[in-house]
Amino acid sequence: MAKPRVSKPQQIIGWREHISLPDFGIFDLPAKVDTGARTTALHAVDQRVFDRDGARWVEFKVPLKNRRTTRQICAPILEERDIKNTGGVPERRLVVRTTLVIGKRHWLIDVSLANRAKMEFDVILGRSAIRRHRLLVDPRRSYLAGSPIDVTAASSRNPIPEPISDLQKGVKE
């Protein structure tokens, strides 16, 4: 007789949630959860592609509207692909991989870098980021997951090399 499959209970999240991207030094950031968007997008400006040890990397700034600060980040480029913007027009974007923290849970996600200056949220969490993580989105409610926990120890297991910190770059917040 086959053993019954035990699955984790589903967690309900709202259409807005506080998230963290600890690999990028971004914590407790309001995000719009959008199941209509396939890919997660992060507001990133001044993107500069360069080679490091034979791999393509990108250096970019993340202006955080809710804190009136800017984070300077470096990350390896996962891929470059066409992604439809809010108007449905495909645009070429760089995609990087990072750790997402929502509530007490964390996992790796792919994030496209886009100029979201005219958007209300600095980050939009697309359906591919939450797929297979037993999350249900309640479009009537917000901030159900609670504050993202500190996963500094967990993110140290992340295979992405340490991003260049603002202090190393001499950038002030």
Protein backbone atom coordinates (compact mmCIF):
# COMPACT_ATOMS: atom_id res chain seq x y z
CA MET A 1 0.00 0.00 0.00
CA ALA A 2 1.37 3.40 -0.99
CA LYS A 3 2.03 5.86 1.77
CA PRO A 4 -0.37 8.82 1.68
CA ARG A 5 1.29 11.97 0.41
CA VAL A 6 1.54 14.61 3.10
CA SER A 7 1.75 18.14 1.80
CA LYS A 8 2.38 21.43 3.51
CA PRO A 9 -0.71 23.50 4.18
CA GLN A 10 -1.33 26.37 1.84
CA GLN A 11 -0.56 29.87 3.08
CA ILE A 12 -2.81 32.74 2.10
CA ILE A 13 -1.11 35.98 1.12
CA GLY A 14 -2.62 39.30 0.10
CA TRP A 15 -2.31 41.26 -3.13
CA ARG A 16 0.27 43.40 -1.30
CA GLU A 17 2.94 41.91 0.96
CA HIS A 18 6.15 43.00 2.64
CA ILE A 19 9.11 41.08 1.21
CA SER A 20 12.89 41.07 1.59
CA LEU A 21 15.66 40.45 -0.93
CA PRO A 22 18.48 39.86 1.58
CA ASP A 23 21.15 39.06 -1.04
CA PHE A 24 20.66 42.63 -2.27
CA GLY A 25 20.48 44.16 1.21
CA ILE A 26 16.81 45.08 0.70
CA PHE A 27 14.54 44.40 3.66
CA ASP A 28 10.84 44.83 4.42
CA LEU A 29 9.88 46.25 1.02
CA PRO A 30 6.20 46.59 0.01
CA ALA A 31 5.50 44.47 -3.08
CA LYS A 32 2.49 44.02 -5.32
CA VAL A 33 1.62 40.37 -5.86
CA ASP A 34 0.44 40.10 -9.46
CA THR A 35 -0.61 36.69 -10.74
CA GLY A 36 -1.20 38.29 -14.14
CA ALA A 37 2.52 39.00 -14.45
CA ARG A 38 4.70 35.98 -15.17
CA THR A 39 8.04 37.46 -14.09
CA THR A 40 9.00 39.39 -10.97
CA ALA A 41 10.29 42.88 -11.74
CA LEU A 42 12.49 45.09 -9.55
CA HIS A 43 12.93 48.82 -10.04
CA ALA A 44 16.54 49.16 -11.21
CA VAL A 45 18.27 52.12 -12.87
CA ASP A 46 21.76 52.91 -14.17
CA GLN A 47 22.34 49.31 -15.28
CA ARG A 48 25.89 48.58 -16.40
CA VAL A 49 26.91 45.17 -17.79
CA PHE A 50 30.50 43.99 -17.27
CA ASP A 51 32.60 40.81 -17.24
CA ARG A 52 33.88 39.28 -14.02
CA ASP A 53 35.92 36.06 -14.13
CA GLY A 54 34.51 35.19 -17.57
CA ALA A 55 30.87 35.70 -16.57
CA ARG A 56 28.47 38.54 -17.40
CA TRP A 57 27.46 40.66 -14.41
CA VAL A 58 25.29 43.72 -13.97
CA GLU A 59 25.75 46.65 -11.64
CA PHE A 60 22.58 48.64 -10.95
CA LYS A 61 20.94 51.01 -8.50
CA VAL A 62 17.66 50.35 -6.72
CA PRO A 63 16.06 53.63 -5.65
CA LEU A 64 13.76 52.71 -2.74
CA LYS A 65 10.83 55.13 -2.76
CA ASN A 66 9.58 54.10 0.67
CA ARG A 67 12.95 54.99 2.24
CA ARG A 68 14.20 57.74 -0.08
CA THR A 69 17.49 55.84 -0.44
CA THR A 70 19.36 54.06 -3.20
CA ARG A 71 21.08 50.67 -3.04
CA GLN A 72 23.98 49.89 -5.37
CA ILE A 73 24.02 46.19 -6.28
CA CYS A 74 26.13 43.84 -8.40
CA ALA A 75 24.87 40.41 -9.47
CA PRO A 76 25.63 37.78 -12.08
CA ILE A 77 23.28 37.88 -15.08
CA LEU A 78 21.16 34.75 -15.32
CA GLU A 79 19.79 35.61 -18.77
CA GLU A 80 18.55 38.38 -20.99
CA ARG A 81 15.05 38.02 -22.44
CA ASP A 82 12.03 39.83 -23.84
CA ILE A 83 9.42 40.60 -21.17
CA LYS A 84 6.17 42.44 -21.80
CA ASN A 85 5.86 45.72 -19.94
CA THR A 86 2.62 46.99 -18.39
CA GLY A 87 1.51 48.19 -21.83
CA GLY A 88 2.00 44.71 -23.31
CA VAL A 89 5.03 45.77 -25.36
CA PRO A 90 8.01 43.37 -25.18
CA GLU A 91 11.25 44.92 -23.92
CA ARG A 92 14.66 43.33 -23.50
CA ARG A 93 15.52 42.91 -19.79
CA LEU A 94 18.33 41.48 -17.75
CA VAL A 95 17.32 38.74 -15.30
CA VAL A 96 19.17 37.95 -12.07
CA ARG A 97 18.52 35.36 -9.35
CA THR A 98 18.14 36.19 -5.67
CA THR A 99 16.56 35.01 -2.43
CA LEU A 100 12.97 36.10 -1.75
CA VAL A 101 11.70 36.23 1.82
CA ILE A 102 7.97 36.44 2.41
CA GLY A 103 6.77 35.93 5.97
CA LYS A 104 8.74 33.07 7.50
CA ARG A 105 9.56 31.42 4.16
CA HIS A 106 12.35 31.94 1.63
CA TRP A 107 13.45 30.57 -1.74
CA LEU A 108 15.33 31.59 -4.89
CA ILE A 109 13.51 33.58 -7.57
CA ASP A 110 14.37 35.11 -10.94
CA VAL A 111 13.99 38.89 -11.08
CA SER A 112 13.94 41.09 -14.16
CA LEU A 113 15.45 44.56 -13.86
CA ALA A 114 13.12 47.31 -15.09
CA ASN A 115 12.55 51.00 -14.67
CA ARG A 116 9.44 51.14 -12.47
CA ALA A 117 9.76 54.84 -11.60
CA LYS A 118 6.17 55.55 -12.68
CA MET A 119 4.77 52.54 -10.80
CA GLU A 120 3.44 52.58 -7.25
CA PHE A 121 5.54 49.58 -6.11
CA ASP A 122 9.32 49.14 -6.49
CA VAL A 123 8.78 45.41 -6.97
CA ILE A 124 6.05 43.35 -8.55
CA LEU A 125 5.97 39.69 -7.55
CA GLY A 126 4.99 37.61 -10.57
CA ARG A 127 3.35 34.19 -10.58
CA SER A 128 6.52 32.25 -11.44
CA ALA A 129 8.04 33.43 -8.13
CA ILE A 130 5.20 32.03 -6.04
CA ARG A 131 4.32 28.96 -8.12
CA ARG A 132 5.01 25.62 -6.39
CA HIS A 133 5.29 27.26 -2.95
CA ARG A 134 1.74 26.49 -1.80
CA LEU A 135 0.61 30.12 -1.69
CA LEU A 136 -2.90 31.35 -2.39
CA VAL A 137 -3.46 35.03 -3.16
CA ASP A 138 -6.51 36.71 -1.63
CA PRO A 139 -7.10 39.75 -3.87
CA ARG A 140 -9.31 41.38 -1.22
CA ARG A 141 -6.66 41.53 1.50
CA SER A 142 -3.14 42.84 2.11
CA TYR A 143 -0.12 42.06 4.26
CA LEU A 144 -1.23 38.64 5.51
CA ALA A 145 2.23 36.99 5.60
CA GLY A 146 3.62 39.30 8.28
CA SER A 147 7.03 40.91 8.28
CA PRO A 148 9.75 38.97 6.45
CA ILE A 149 12.03 37.20 8.92
CA ASP A 150 15.81 37.65 8.88
CA VAL A 151 17.29 34.87 6.76
CA THR A 152 20.87 36.08 6.73
CA ALA A 153 22.08 32.60 7.66
CA ALA A 154 19.83 31.01 5.05
CA SER A 155 20.96 33.39 2.32
CA SER A 156 24.59 32.45 3.01
CA ARG A 157 23.71 29.06 1.43
CA ASN A 158 22.66 30.90 -1.72
CA PRO A 159 24.93 29.99 -4.65
CA ILE A 160 25.05 33.61 -5.82
CA PRO A 161 28.34 35.34 -4.99
CA GLU A 162 28.13 38.10 -2.41
CA PRO A 163 26.98 41.35 -4.05
CA ILE A 164 29.28 44.31 -3.74
CA SER A 165 28.02 46.25 -0.78
CA ASP A 166 27.33 49.96 -0.69
CA LEU A 167 30.24 50.42 1.70
CA GLN A 168 32.63 48.66 -0.67
CA LYS A 169 31.41 50.89 -3.50
CA GLY A 170 31.54 54.05 -1.41
CA VAL A 171 27.85 54.73 -2.00
CA LYS A 172 25.93 56.50 0.74
CA GLU A 173 22.32 55.77 1.58
